[in-house]
Amino acid sequence: MSNNIQIKTGENVSVSSSTSAPVSVKAVSNSTTISVAGFSAALVDKNYVHQQSSASATWTITHNLNKRPSVSVVDSAGTQIICEVRYDSDNQVTLTFDDSTAGEAYLN
């Protein structure tokens, strides 16, 4: 018998126990906060992966994370590269490169 509960994004769940048995919580996706018996802790932070398939010297990324995330960029060969990062808002960032570049940006 399994005691697993699946919680979808945006759903709220209250967990209580009438025994002293431990309650374990495991985040398996982009959960942001889980509360157990009045205790709240961030388990998995929001993140976003942007894929830039066509080479460009400027990438404008709308990520909708409601924050100014850290940014890591790799080119299409998987090599980490440095670029200028400008935070346009808490939901958009613009990356500027010396040359046209394709690859991925990891925001968290």
PDB file of N, CA and C in Angstrom:
ATOM      1  N   MET A   1       0.842  -1.175   0.000  1.00  0.00           N
ATOM      2  CA  MET A   1       0.000   0.000   0.000  1.00  0.00           C
ATOM      3  C   MET A   1       0.885   1.236   0.000  1.00  0.00           C
ATOM      4  N   SER A   2       0.571   2.162  -0.887  1.00  0.00           N
ATOM      5  CA  SER A   2       1.364   3.386  -1.002  1.00  0.00           C
ATOM      6  C   SER A   2       0.642   4.543  -0.335  1.00  0.00           C
ATOM      7  N   ASN A   3       1.414   5.399   0.327  1.00  0.00           N
ATOM      8  CA  ASN A   3       0.860   6.599   0.944  1.00  0.00           C
ATOM      9  C   ASN A   3       1.281   7.842   0.168  1.00  0.00           C
ATOM     10  N   ASN A   4       1.540   7.692  -1.119  1.00  0.00           N
ATOM     11  CA  ASN A   4       1.988   8.808  -1.941  1.00  0.00           C
ATOM     12  C   ASN A   4       0.808   9.682  -2.342  1.00  0.00           C
ATOM     13  N   ILE A   5       1.037  10.985  -2.374  1.00  0.00           N
ATOM     14  CA  ILE A   5       0.051  11.950  -2.816  1.00  0.00           C
ATOM     15  C   ILE A   5       0.686  12.779  -3.910  1.00  0.00           C
ATOM     16  N   GLN A   6       0.022  12.895  -5.046  1.00  0.00           N
ATOM     17  CA  GLN A   6       0.523  13.751  -6.122  1.00  0.00           C
ATOM     18  C   GLN A   6      -0.140  15.113  -6.000  1.00  0.00           C
ATOM     19  N   ILE A   7       0.683  16.166  -6.089  1.00  0.00           N
ATOM     20  CA  ILE A   7       0.195  17.528  -5.985  1.00  0.00           C
ATOM     21  C   ILE A   7       0.558  18.243  -7.279  1.00  0.00           C
ATOM     22  N   LYS A   8      -0.427  18.780  -7.958  1.00  0.00           N
ATOM     23  CA  LYS A   8      -0.188  19.494  -9.196  1.00  0.00           C
ATOM     24  C   LYS A   8       0.153  20.955  -8.904  1.00  0.00           C
ATOM     25  N   THR A   9       0.835  21.589  -9.844  1.00  0.00           N
ATOM     26  CA  THR A   9       1.216  22.985  -9.700  1.00  0.00           C
ATOM     27  C   THR A   9      -0.015  23.829  -9.399  1.00  0.00           C
ATOM     28  N   GLY A  10       0.095  24.680  -8.397  1.00  0.00           N
ATOM     29  CA  GLY A  10      -0.985  25.571  -8.024  1.00  0.00           C
ATOM     30  C   GLY A  10      -1.937  25.011  -6.984  1.00  0.00           C
ATOM     31  N   GLU A  11      -1.845  23.719  -6.666  1.00  0.00           N
ATOM     32  CA  GLU A  11      -2.722  23.118  -5.666  1.00  0.00           C
ATOM     33  C   GLU A  11      -2.135  23.313  -4.273  1.00  0.00           C
ATOM     34  N   ASN A  12      -2.999  23.462  -3.283  1.00  0.00           N
ATOM     35  CA  ASN A  12      -2.596  23.560  -1.888  1.00  0.00           C
ATOM     36  C   ASN A  12      -3.029  22.298  -1.165  1.00  0.00           C
ATOM     37  N   VAL A  13      -2.176  21.775  -0.299  1.00  0.00           N
ATOM     38  CA  VAL A  13      -2.475  20.559   0.450  1.00  0.00           C
ATOM     39  C   VAL A  13      -2.072  20.774   1.894  1.00  0.00           C
ATOM     40  N   SER A  14      -2.911  20.325   2.818  1.00  0.00           N
ATOM     41  CA  SER A  14      -2.603  20.375   4.240  1.00  0.00           C
ATOM     42  C   SER A  14      -2.299  18.959   4.702  1.00  0.00           C
ATOM     43  N   VAL A  15      -1.161  18.778   5.385  1.00  0.00           N
ATOM     44  CA  VAL A  15      -0.760  17.460   5.874  1.00  0.00           C
ATOM     45  C   VAL A  15      -0.742  17.494   7.394  1.00  0.00           C
ATOM     46  N   SER A  16      -1.461  16.572   8.015  1.00  0.00           N
ATOM     47  CA  SER A  16      -1.421  16.475   9.476  1.00  0.00           C
ATOM     48  C   SER A  16      -1.370  15.009   9.859  1.00  0.00           C
ATOM     49  N   SER A  17      -0.866  14.737  11.047  1.00  0.00           N
ATOM     50  CA  SER A  17      -0.723  13.362  11.506  1.00  0.00           C
ATOM     51  C   SER A  17      -1.173  13.279  12.960  1.00  0.00           C
ATOM     52  N   SER A  18      -1.908  12.209  13.276  1.00  0.00           N
ATOM     53  CA  SER A  18      -2.352  12.030  14.658  1.00  0.00           C
ATOM     54  C   SER A  18      -1.382  11.150  15.439  1.00  0.00           C
ATOM     55  N   THR A  19      -0.302  10.734  14.791  1.00  0.00           N
ATOM     56  CA  THR A  19       0.711   9.925  15.466  1.00  0.00           C
ATOM     57  C   THR A  19       2.034  10.680  15.435  1.00  0.00           C
ATOM     58  N   SER A  20       3.022  10.133  16.093  1.00  0.00           N
ATOM     59  CA  SER A  20       4.335  10.767  16.084  1.00  0.00           C
ATOM     60  C   SER A  20       5.204  10.249  14.939  1.00  0.00           C
ATOM     61  N   ALA A  21       4.606   9.518  14.005  1.00  0.00           N
ATOM     62  CA  ALA A  21       5.366   8.995  12.871  1.00  0.00           C
ATOM     63  C   ALA A  21       5.882  10.156  12.015  1.00  0.00           C
ATOM     64  N   PRO A  22       7.089  10.034  11.492  1.00  0.00           N
ATOM     65  CA  PRO A  22       7.647  11.119  10.684  1.00  0.00           C
ATOM     66  C   PRO A  22       6.893  11.279   9.372  1.00  0.00           C
ATOM     67  N   VAL A  23       6.869  12.495   8.885  1.00  0.00           N
ATOM     68  CA  VAL A  23       6.270  12.795   7.590  1.00  0.00           C
ATOM     69  C   VAL A  23       7.401  13.185   6.658  1.00  0.00           C
ATOM     70  N   SER A  24       7.533  12.488   5.543  1.00  0.00           N
ATOM     71  CA  SER A  24       8.566  12.796   4.558  1.00  0.00           C
ATOM     72  C   SER A  24       7.920  13.462   3.358  1.00  0.00           C
ATOM     73  N   VAL A  25       8.569  14.481   2.837  1.00  0.00           N
ATOM     74  CA  VAL A  25       8.075  15.195   1.672  1.00  0.00           C
ATOM     75  C   VAL A  25       9.187  15.205   0.635  1.00  0.00           C
ATOM     76  N   LYS A  26       8.851  14.803  -0.583  1.00  0.00           N
ATOM     77  CA  LYS A  26       9.835  14.779  -1.659  1.00  0.00           C
ATOM     78  C   LYS A  26       9.288  15.581  -2.831  1.00  0.00           C
ATOM     79  N   ALA A  27      10.028  16.588  -3.274  1.00  0.00           N
ATOM     80  CA  ALA A  27       9.632  17.382  -4.431  1.00  0.00           C
ATOM     81  C   ALA A  27      10.135  16.685  -5.687  1.00  0.00           C
ATOM     82  N   VAL A  28       9.256  16.475  -6.650  1.00  0.00           N
ATOM     83  CA  VAL A  28       9.648  15.796  -7.877  1.00  0.00           C
ATOM     84  C   VAL A  28       9.541  16.689  -9.107  1.00  0.00           C
ATOM     85  N   SER A  29       9.107  17.928  -8.943  1.00  0.00           N
ATOM     86  CA  SER A  29       9.046  18.859 -10.061  1.00  0.00           C
ATOM     87  C   SER A  29       9.266  20.271  -9.545  1.00  0.00           C
ATOM     88  N   ASN A  30       8.766  21.259 -10.233  1.00  0.00           N
ATOM     89  CA  ASN A  30       9.028  22.654  -9.882  1.00  0.00           C
ATOM     90  C   ASN A  30       8.173  23.146  -8.721  1.00  0.00           C
ATOM     91  N   SER A  31       8.162  22.415  -7.614  1.00  0.00           N
ATOM     92  CA  SER A  31       7.478  22.866  -6.413  1.00  0.00           C
ATOM     93  C   SER A  31       8.259  24.026  -5.828  1.00  0.00           C
ATOM     94  N   THR A  32       7.574  24.983  -5.224  1.00  0.00           N
ATOM     95  CA  THR A  32       8.305  26.096  -4.632  1.00  0.00           C
ATOM     96  C   THR A  32       8.288  26.031  -3.118  1.00  0.00           C
ATOM     97  N   THR A  33       7.163  25.705  -2.510  1.00  0.00           N
ATOM     98  CA  THR A  33       7.083  25.684  -1.061  1.00  0.00           C
ATOM     99  C   THR A  33       6.191  24.550  -0.602  1.00  0.00           C
ATOM    100  N   ILE A  34       6.615  23.865   0.435  1.00  0.00           N
ATOM    101  CA  ILE A  34       5.806  22.821   1.054  1.00  0.00           C
ATOM    102  C   ILE A  34       5.722  23.124   2.536  1.00  0.00           C
ATOM    103  N   SER A  35       4.513  23.097   3.095  1.00  0.00           N
ATOM    104  CA  SER A  35       4.313  23.367   4.514  1.00  0.00           C
ATOM    105  C   SER A  35       3.868  22.095   5.217  1.00  0.00           C
ATOM    106  N   VAL A  36       4.509  21.768   6.326  1.00  0.00           N
ATOM    107  CA  VAL A  36       4.142  20.610   7.128  1.00  0.00           C
ATOM    108  C   VAL A  36       4.028  21.061   8.576  1.00  0.00           C
ATOM    109  N   ALA A  37       2.855  20.923   9.156  1.00  0.00           N
ATOM    110  CA  ALA A  37       2.600  21.253  10.567  1.00  0.00           C
ATOM    111  C   ALA A  37       3.147  22.634  10.935  1.00  0.00           C
ATOM    112  N   GLY A  38       2.841  23.620  10.112  1.00  0.00           N
ATOM    113  CA  GLY A  38       3.256  24.981  10.415  1.00  0.00           C
ATOM    114  C   GLY A  38       4.668  25.324   9.989  1.00  0.00           C
ATOM    115  N   PHE A  39       5.417  24.367   9.473  1.00  0.00           N
ATOM    116  CA  PHE A  39       6.786  24.613   9.029  1.00  0.00           C
ATOM    117  C   PHE A  39       6.771  24.783   7.521  1.00  0.00           C
ATOM    118  N   SER A  40       7.411  25.809   7.044  1.00  0.00           N
ATOM    119  CA  SER A  40       7.448  26.072   5.616  1.00  0.00           C
ATOM    120  C   SER A  40       8.896  26.174   5.157  1.00  0.00           C
ATOM    121  N   ALA A  41       9.217  25.511   4.060  1.00  0.00           N
ATOM    122  CA  ALA A  41      10.583  25.564   3.543  1.00  0.00           C
ATOM    123  C   ALA A  41      10.566  25.479   2.027  1.00  0.00           C
ATOM    124  N   ALA A  42      11.398  26.257   1.386  1.00  0.00           N
ATOM    125  CA  ALA A  42      11.533  26.169  -0.060  1.00  0.00           C
ATOM    126  C   ALA A  42      12.344  24.926  -0.370  1.00  0.00           C
ATOM    127  N   LEU A  43      11.785  24.045  -1.201  1.00  0.00           N
ATOM    128  CA  LEU A  43      12.473  22.804  -1.519  1.00  0.00           C
ATOM    129  C   LEU A  43      13.113  22.850  -2.897  1.00  0.00           C
ATOM    130  N   VAL A  44      12.386  23.328  -3.854  1.00  0.00           N
ATOM    131  CA  VAL A  44      12.902  23.406  -5.210  1.00  0.00           C
ATOM    132  C   VAL A  44      12.566  24.784  -5.736  1.00  0.00           C
ATOM    133  N   ASP A  45      13.566  25.514  -6.158  1.00  0.00           N
ATOM    134  CA  ASP A  45      13.341  26.860  -6.652  1.00  0.00           C
ATOM    135  C   ASP A  45      12.847  26.808  -8.093  1.00  0.00           C
ATOM    136  N   LYS A  46      12.207  27.873  -8.512  1.00  0.00           N
ATOM    137  CA  LYS A  46      11.754  27.981  -9.894  1.00  0.00           C
ATOM    138  C   LYS A  46      12.962  28.104 -10.810  1.00  0.00           C
ATOM    139  N   ASN A  47      12.840  27.550 -12.004  1.00  0.00           N
ATOM    140  CA  ASN A  47      13.916  27.676 -12.983  1.00  0.00           C
ATOM    141  C   ASN A  47      13.330  27.671 -14.384  1.00  0.00           C
ATOM    142  N   TYR A  48      14.155  28.031 -15.348  1.00  0.00           N
ATOM    143  CA  TYR A  48      13.716  28.097 -16.739  1.00  0.00           C
ATOM    144  C   TYR A  48      14.914  27.822 -17.629  1.00  0.00           C
ATOM    145  N   VAL A  49      14.717  27.036 -18.683  1.00  0.00           N
ATOM    146  CA  VAL A  49      15.766  26.766 -19.665  1.00  0.00           C
ATOM    147  C   VAL A  49      15.318  27.361 -20.997  1.00  0.00           C
ATOM    148  N   HIS A  50      16.142  28.241 -21.540  1.00  0.00           N
ATOM    149  CA  HIS A  50      15.861  28.869 -22.836  1.00  0.00           C
ATOM    150  C   HIS A  50      16.740  28.216 -23.888  1.00  0.00           C
ATOM    151  N   GLN A  51      16.144  27.766 -24.982  1.00  0.00           N
ATOM    152  CA  GLN A  51      16.902  27.186 -26.087  1.00  0.00           C
ATOM    153  C   GLN A  51      16.895  28.165 -27.248  1.00  0.00           C
ATOM    154  N   GLN A  52      18.088  28.587 -27.652  1.00  0.00           N
ATOM    155  CA  GLN A  52      18.252  29.527 -28.767  1.00  0.00           C
ATOM    156  C   GLN A  52      18.851  28.752 -29.925  1.00  0.00           C
ATOM    157  N   SER A  53      17.998  28.312 -30.864  1.00  0.00           N
ATOM    158  CA  SER A  53      18.473  27.470 -31.962  1.00  0.00           C
ATOM    159  C   SER A  53      19.082  28.274 -33.102  1.00  0.00           C
ATOM    160  N   SER A  54      18.619  29.513 -33.311  1.00  0.00           N
ATOM    161  CA  SER A  54      19.222  30.342 -34.356  1.00  0.00           C
ATOM    162  C   SER A  54      20.204  31.318 -33.703  1.00  0.00           C
ATOM    163  N   ALA A  55      21.392  31.394 -34.275  1.00  0.00           N
ATOM    164  CA  ALA A  55      22.441  32.248 -33.710  1.00  0.00           C
ATOM    165  C   ALA A  55      22.026  33.709 -33.753  1.00  0.00           C
ATOM    166  N   SER A  56      22.251  34.395 -32.623  1.00  0.00           N
ATOM    167  CA  SER A  56      21.931  35.817 -32.511  1.00  0.00           C
ATOM    168  C   SER A  56      22.870  36.440 -31.492  1.00  0.00           C
ATOM    169  N   ALA A  57      23.194  37.728 -31.676  1.00  0.00           N
ATOM    170  CA  ALA A  57      24.061  38.430 -30.728  1.00  0.00           C
ATOM    171  C   ALA A  57      23.269  38.917 -29.514  1.00  0.00           C
ATOM    172  N   THR A  58      21.932  38.914 -29.609  1.00  0.00           N
ATOM    173  CA  THR A  58      21.069  39.333 -28.505  1.00  0.00           C
ATOM    174  C   THR A  58      19.950  38.312 -28.320  1.00  0.00           C
ATOM    175  N   TRP A  59      19.806  37.839 -27.099  1.00  0.00           N
ATOM    176  CA  TRP A  59      18.687  36.949 -26.755  1.00  0.00           C
ATOM    177  C   TRP A  59      17.797  37.683 -25.757  1.00  0.00           C
ATOM    178  N   THR A  60      16.538  37.860 -26.074  1.00  0.00           N
ATOM    179  CA  THR A  60      15.581  38.414 -25.123  1.00  0.00           C
ATOM    180  C   THR A  60      14.730  37.250 -24.639  1.00  0.00           C
ATOM    181  N   ILE A  61      14.786  36.998 -23.335  1.00  0.00           N
ATOM    182  CA  ILE A  61      14.149  35.809 -22.755  1.00  0.00           C
ATOM    183  C   ILE A  61      13.062  36.228 -21.774  1.00  0.00           C
ATOM    184  N   THR A  62      11.831  35.813 -22.068  1.00  0.00           N
ATOM    185  CA  THR A  62      10.733  35.997 -21.118  1.00  0.00           C
ATOM    186  C   THR A  62      10.593  34.684 -20.363  1.00  0.00           C
ATOM    187  N   HIS A  63      10.879  34.714 -19.053  1.00  0.00           N
ATOM    188  CA  HIS A  63      10.924  33.486 -18.252  1.00  0.00           C
ATOM    189  C   HIS A  63       9.778  33.361 -17.256  1.00  0.00           C
ATOM    190  N   ASN A  64       9.105  34.450 -16.913  1.00  0.00           N
ATOM    191  CA  ASN A  64       7.960  34.441 -15.982  1.00  0.00           C
ATOM    192  C   ASN A  64       8.260  33.785 -14.631  1.00  0.00           C
ATOM    193  N   LEU A  65       9.468  33.996 -14.114  1.00  0.00           N
ATOM    194  CA  LEU A  65       9.846  33.445 -12.807  1.00  0.00           C
ATOM    195  C   LEU A  65       9.546  34.416 -11.661  1.00  0.00           C
ATOM    196  N   ASN A  66       9.140  35.631 -11.987  1.00  0.00           N
ATOM    197  CA  ASN A  66       8.848  36.659 -10.979  1.00  0.00           C
ATOM    198  C   ASN A  66      10.024  36.933 -10.054  1.00  0.00           C
ATOM    199  N   LYS A  67      11.222  36.930 -10.634  1.00  0.00           N
ATOM    200  CA  LYS A  67      12.447  37.231  -9.883  1.00  0.00           C
ATOM    201  C   LYS A  67      13.560  37.523 -10.882  1.00  0.00           C
ATOM    202  N   ARG A  68      14.689  37.975 -10.368  1.00  0.00           N
ATOM    203  CA  ARG A  68      15.875  38.186 -11.204  1.00  0.00           C
ATOM    204  C   ARG A  68      16.796  36.984 -11.012  1.00  0.00           C
ATOM    205  N   PRO A  69      16.688  36.001 -11.895  1.00  0.00           N
ATOM    206  CA  PRO A  69      17.411  34.742 -11.696  1.00  0.00           C
ATOM    207  C   PRO A  69      18.891  34.840 -12.050  1.00  0.00           C
ATOM    208  N   SER A  70      19.661  33.905 -11.496  1.00  0.00           N
ATOM    209  CA  SER A  70      21.044  33.761 -11.947  1.00  0.00           C
ATOM    210  C   SER A  70      20.984  33.166 -13.355  1.00  0.00           C
ATOM    211  N   VAL A  71      21.996  33.479 -14.165  1.00  0.00           N
ATOM    212  CA  VAL A  71      21.987  33.066 -15.571  1.00  0.00           C
ATOM    213  C   VAL A  71      23.308  32.374 -15.897  1.00  0.00           C
ATOM    214  N   SER A  72      23.233  31.187 -16.487  1.00  0.00           N
ATOM    215  CA  SER A  72      24.394  30.476 -17.021  1.00  0.00           C
ATOM    216  C   SER A  72      24.085  30.159 -18.477  1.00  0.00           C
ATOM    217  N   VAL A  73      25.093  30.320 -19.336  1.00  0.00           N
ATOM    218  CA  VAL A  73      24.882  30.133 -20.770  1.00  0.00           C
ATOM    219  C   VAL A  73      25.915  29.163 -21.319  1.00  0.00           C
ATOM    220  N   VAL A  74      25.462  28.260 -22.195  1.00  0.00           N
ATOM    221  CA  VAL A  74      26.367  27.381 -22.936  1.00  0.00           C
ATOM    222  C   VAL A  74      26.068  27.550 -24.414  1.00  0.00           C
ATOM    223  N   ASP A  75      27.112  27.458 -25.232  1.00  0.00           N
ATOM    224  CA  ASP A  75      26.901  27.546 -26.673  1.00  0.00           C
ATOM    225  C   ASP A  75      26.427  26.195 -27.203  1.00  0.00           C
ATOM    226  N   SER A  76      26.208  26.101 -28.505  1.00  0.00           N
ATOM    227  CA  SER A  76      25.664  24.873 -29.094  1.00  0.00           C
ATOM    228  C   SER A  76      26.608  23.677 -28.961  1.00  0.00           C
ATOM    229  N   ALA A  77      27.895  23.941 -28.655  1.00  0.00           N
ATOM    230  CA  ALA A  77      28.856  22.856 -28.422  1.00  0.00           C
ATOM    231  C   ALA A  77      28.874  22.431 -26.954  1.00  0.00           C
ATOM    232  N   GLY A  78      28.112  23.137 -26.096  1.00  0.00           N
ATOM    233  CA  GLY A  78      28.072  22.798 -24.675  1.00  0.00           C
ATOM    234  C   GLY A  78      29.131  23.494 -23.836  1.00  0.00           C
ATOM    235  N   THR A  79      29.828  24.482 -24.412  1.00  0.00           N
ATOM    236  CA  THR A  79      30.866  25.217 -23.697  1.00  0.00           C
ATOM    237  C   THR A  79      30.254  26.431 -22.997  1.00  0.00           C
ATOM    238  N   GLN A  80      30.559  26.588 -21.715  1.00  0.00           N
ATOM    239  CA  GLN A  80      30.033  27.740 -20.983  1.00  0.00           C
ATOM    240  C   GLN A  80      30.638  29.015 -21.546  1.00  0.00           C
ATOM    241  N   ILE A  81      29.796  30.024 -21.752  1.00  0.00           N
ATOM    242  CA  ILE A  81      30.265  31.288 -22.301  1.00  0.00           C
ATOM    243  C   ILE A  81      29.781  32.450 -21.432  1.00  0.00           C
ATOM    244  N   ILE A  82      30.498  33.563 -21.554  1.00  0.00           N
ATOM    245  CA  ILE A  82      30.197  34.766 -20.781  1.00  0.00           C
ATOM    246  C   ILE A  82      29.465  35.751 -21.696  1.00  0.00           C
ATOM    247  N   CYS A  83      28.473  36.417 -21.141  1.00  0.00           N
ATOM    248  CA  CYS A  83      27.740  37.429 -21.891  1.00  0.00           C
ATOM    249  C   CYS A  83      27.299  38.522 -20.937  1.00  0.00           C
ATOM    250  N   GLU A  84      26.810  39.623 -21.491  1.00  0.00           N
ATOM    251  CA  GLU A  84      26.238  40.689 -20.672  1.00  0.00           C
ATOM    252  C   GLU A  84      24.806  40.303 -20.344  1.00  0.00           C
ATOM    253  N   VAL A  85      24.421  40.435 -19.073  1.00  0.00           N
ATOM    254  CA  VAL A  85      23.074  40.109 -18.621  1.00  0.00           C
ATOM    255  C   VAL A  85      22.393  41.399 -18.175  1.00  0.00           C
ATOM    256  N   ARG A  86      21.257  41.710 -18.791  1.00  0.00           N
ATOM    257  CA  ARG A  86      20.477  42.883 -18.386  1.00  0.00           C
ATOM    258  C   ARG A  86      19.091  42.411 -17.954  1.00  0.00           C
ATOM    259  N   TYR A  87      18.704  42.751 -16.730  1.00  0.00           N
ATOM    260  CA  TYR A  87      17.386  42.398 -16.219  1.00  0.00           C
ATOM    261  C   TYR A  87      16.401  43.481 -16.634  1.00  0.00           C
ATOM    262  N   ASP A  88      15.535  43.162 -17.582  1.00  0.00           N
ATOM    263  CA  ASP A  88      14.538  44.112 -18.062  1.00  0.00           C
ATOM    264  C   ASP A  88      13.391  44.247 -17.054  1.00  0.00           C
ATOM    265  N   SER A  89      13.095  43.158 -16.366  1.00  0.00           N
ATOM    266  CA  SER A  89      12.051  43.122 -15.336  1.00  0.00           C
ATOM    267  C   SER A  89      12.245  41.837 -14.546  1.00  0.00           C
ATOM    268  N   ASP A  90      11.346  41.562 -13.612  1.00  0.00           N
ATOM    269  CA  ASP A  90      11.420  40.300 -12.865  1.00  0.00           C
ATOM    270  C   ASP A  90      10.995  39.107 -13.717  1.00  0.00           C
ATOM    271  N   ASN A  91      10.553  39.355 -14.952  1.00  0.00           N
ATOM    272  CA  ASN A  91      10.088  38.275 -15.825  1.00  0.00           C
ATOM    273  C   ASN A  91      10.778  38.239 -17.181  1.00  0.00           C
ATOM    274  N   GLN A  92      11.736  39.143 -17.396  1.00  0.00           N
ATOM    275  CA  GLN A  92      12.431  39.164 -18.682  1.00  0.00           C
ATOM    276  C   GLN A  92      13.883  39.573 -18.501  1.00  0.00           C
ATOM    277  N   VAL A  93      14.760  38.920 -19.266  1.00  0.00           N
ATOM    278  CA  VAL A  93      16.185  39.227 -19.238  1.00  0.00           C
ATOM    279  C   VAL A  93      16.685  39.289 -20.683  1.00  0.00           C
ATOM    280  N   THR A  94      17.662  40.172 -20.931  1.00  0.00           N
ATOM    281  CA  THR A  94      18.275  40.262 -22.253  1.00  0.00           C
ATOM    282  C   THR A  94      19.754  39.917 -22.120  1.00  0.00           C
ATOM    283  N   LEU A  95      20.196  38.982 -22.945  1.00  0.00           N
ATOM    284  CA  LEU A  95      21.599  38.561 -22.965  1.00  0.00           C
ATOM    285  C   LEU A  95      22.245  39.108 -24.236  1.00  0.00           C
ATOM    286  N   THR A  96      23.436  39.700 -24.092  1.00  0.00           N
ATOM    287  CA  THR A  96      24.147  40.261 -25.236  1.00  0.00           C
ATOM    288  C   THR A  96      25.521  39.609 -25.338  1.00  0.00           C
ATOM    289  N   PHE A  97      25.839  39.138 -26.549  1.00  0.00           N
ATOM    290  CA  PHE A  97      27.085  38.416 -26.818  1.00  0.00           C
ATOM    291  C   PHE A  97      27.962  39.230 -27.770  1.00  0.00           C
ATOM    292  N   ASP A  98      29.262  38.951 -27.769  1.00  0.00           N
ATOM    293  CA  ASP A  98      30.182  39.610 -28.692  1.00  0.00           C
ATOM    294  C   ASP A  98      29.910  39.192 -30.135  1.00  0.00           C
ATOM    295  N   ASP A  99      29.512  37.945 -30.334  1.00  0.00           N
ATOM    296  CA  ASP A  99      29.224  37.399 -31.659  1.00  0.00           C
ATOM    297  C   ASP A  99      27.871  36.709 -31.638  1.00  0.00           C
ATOM    298  N   SER A 100      27.306  36.478 -32.803  1.00  0.00           N
ATOM    299  CA  SER A 100      26.062  35.708 -32.881  1.00  0.00           C
ATOM    300  C   SER A 100      26.302  34.323 -32.297  1.00  0.00           C
ATOM    301  N   THR A 101      25.383  33.909 -31.425  1.00  0.00           N
ATOM    302  CA  THR A 101      25.556  32.680 -30.675  1.00  0.00           C
ATOM    303  C   THR A 101      24.251  31.900 -30.621  1.00  0.00           C
ATOM    304  N   ALA A 102      24.342  30.588 -30.712  1.00  0.00           N
ATOM    305  CA  ALA A 102      23.211  29.688 -30.471  1.00  0.00           C
ATOM    306  C   ALA A 102      23.578  28.831 -29.275  1.00  0.00           C
ATOM    307  N   GLY A 103      22.588  28.366 -28.534  1.00  0.00           N
ATOM    308  CA  GLY A 103      22.868  27.531 -27.376  1.00  0.00           C
ATOM    309  C   GLY A 103      21.710  27.532 -26.410  1.00  0.00           C
ATOM    310  N   GLU A 104      22.023  27.445 -25.106  1.00  0.00           N
ATOM    311  CA  GLU A 104      21.009  27.403 -24.066  1.00  0.00           C
ATOM    312  C   GLU A 104      21.386  28.332 -22.917  1.00  0.00           C
ATOM    313  N   ALA A 105      20.350  28.908 -22.301  1.00  0.00           N
ATOM    314  CA  ALA A 105      20.529  29.722 -21.104  1.00  0.00           C
ATOM    315  C   ALA A 105      19.753  29.044 -19.982  1.00  0.00           C
ATOM    316  N   TYR A 106      20.395  28.880 -18.836  1.00  0.00           N
ATOM    317  CA  TYR A 106      19.779  28.263 -17.666  1.00  0.00           C
ATOM    318  C   TYR A 106      19.540  29.364 -16.627  1.00  0.00           C
ATOM    319  N   LEU A 107      18.281  29.570 -16.278  1.00  0.00           N
ATOM    320  CA  LEU A 107      17.913  30.626 -15.346  1.00  0.00           C
ATOM    321  C   LEU A 107      17.327  29.992 -14.085  1.00  0.00           C
ATOM    322  N   ASN A 108      17.896  30.334 -12.914  1.00  0.00           N
ATOM    323  CA  ASN A 108      17.332  29.849 -11.646  1.00  0.00           C
ATOM    324  C   ASN A 108      17.637  30.786 -10.516  1.00  0.00           C
TER     325      ASN A 108
END
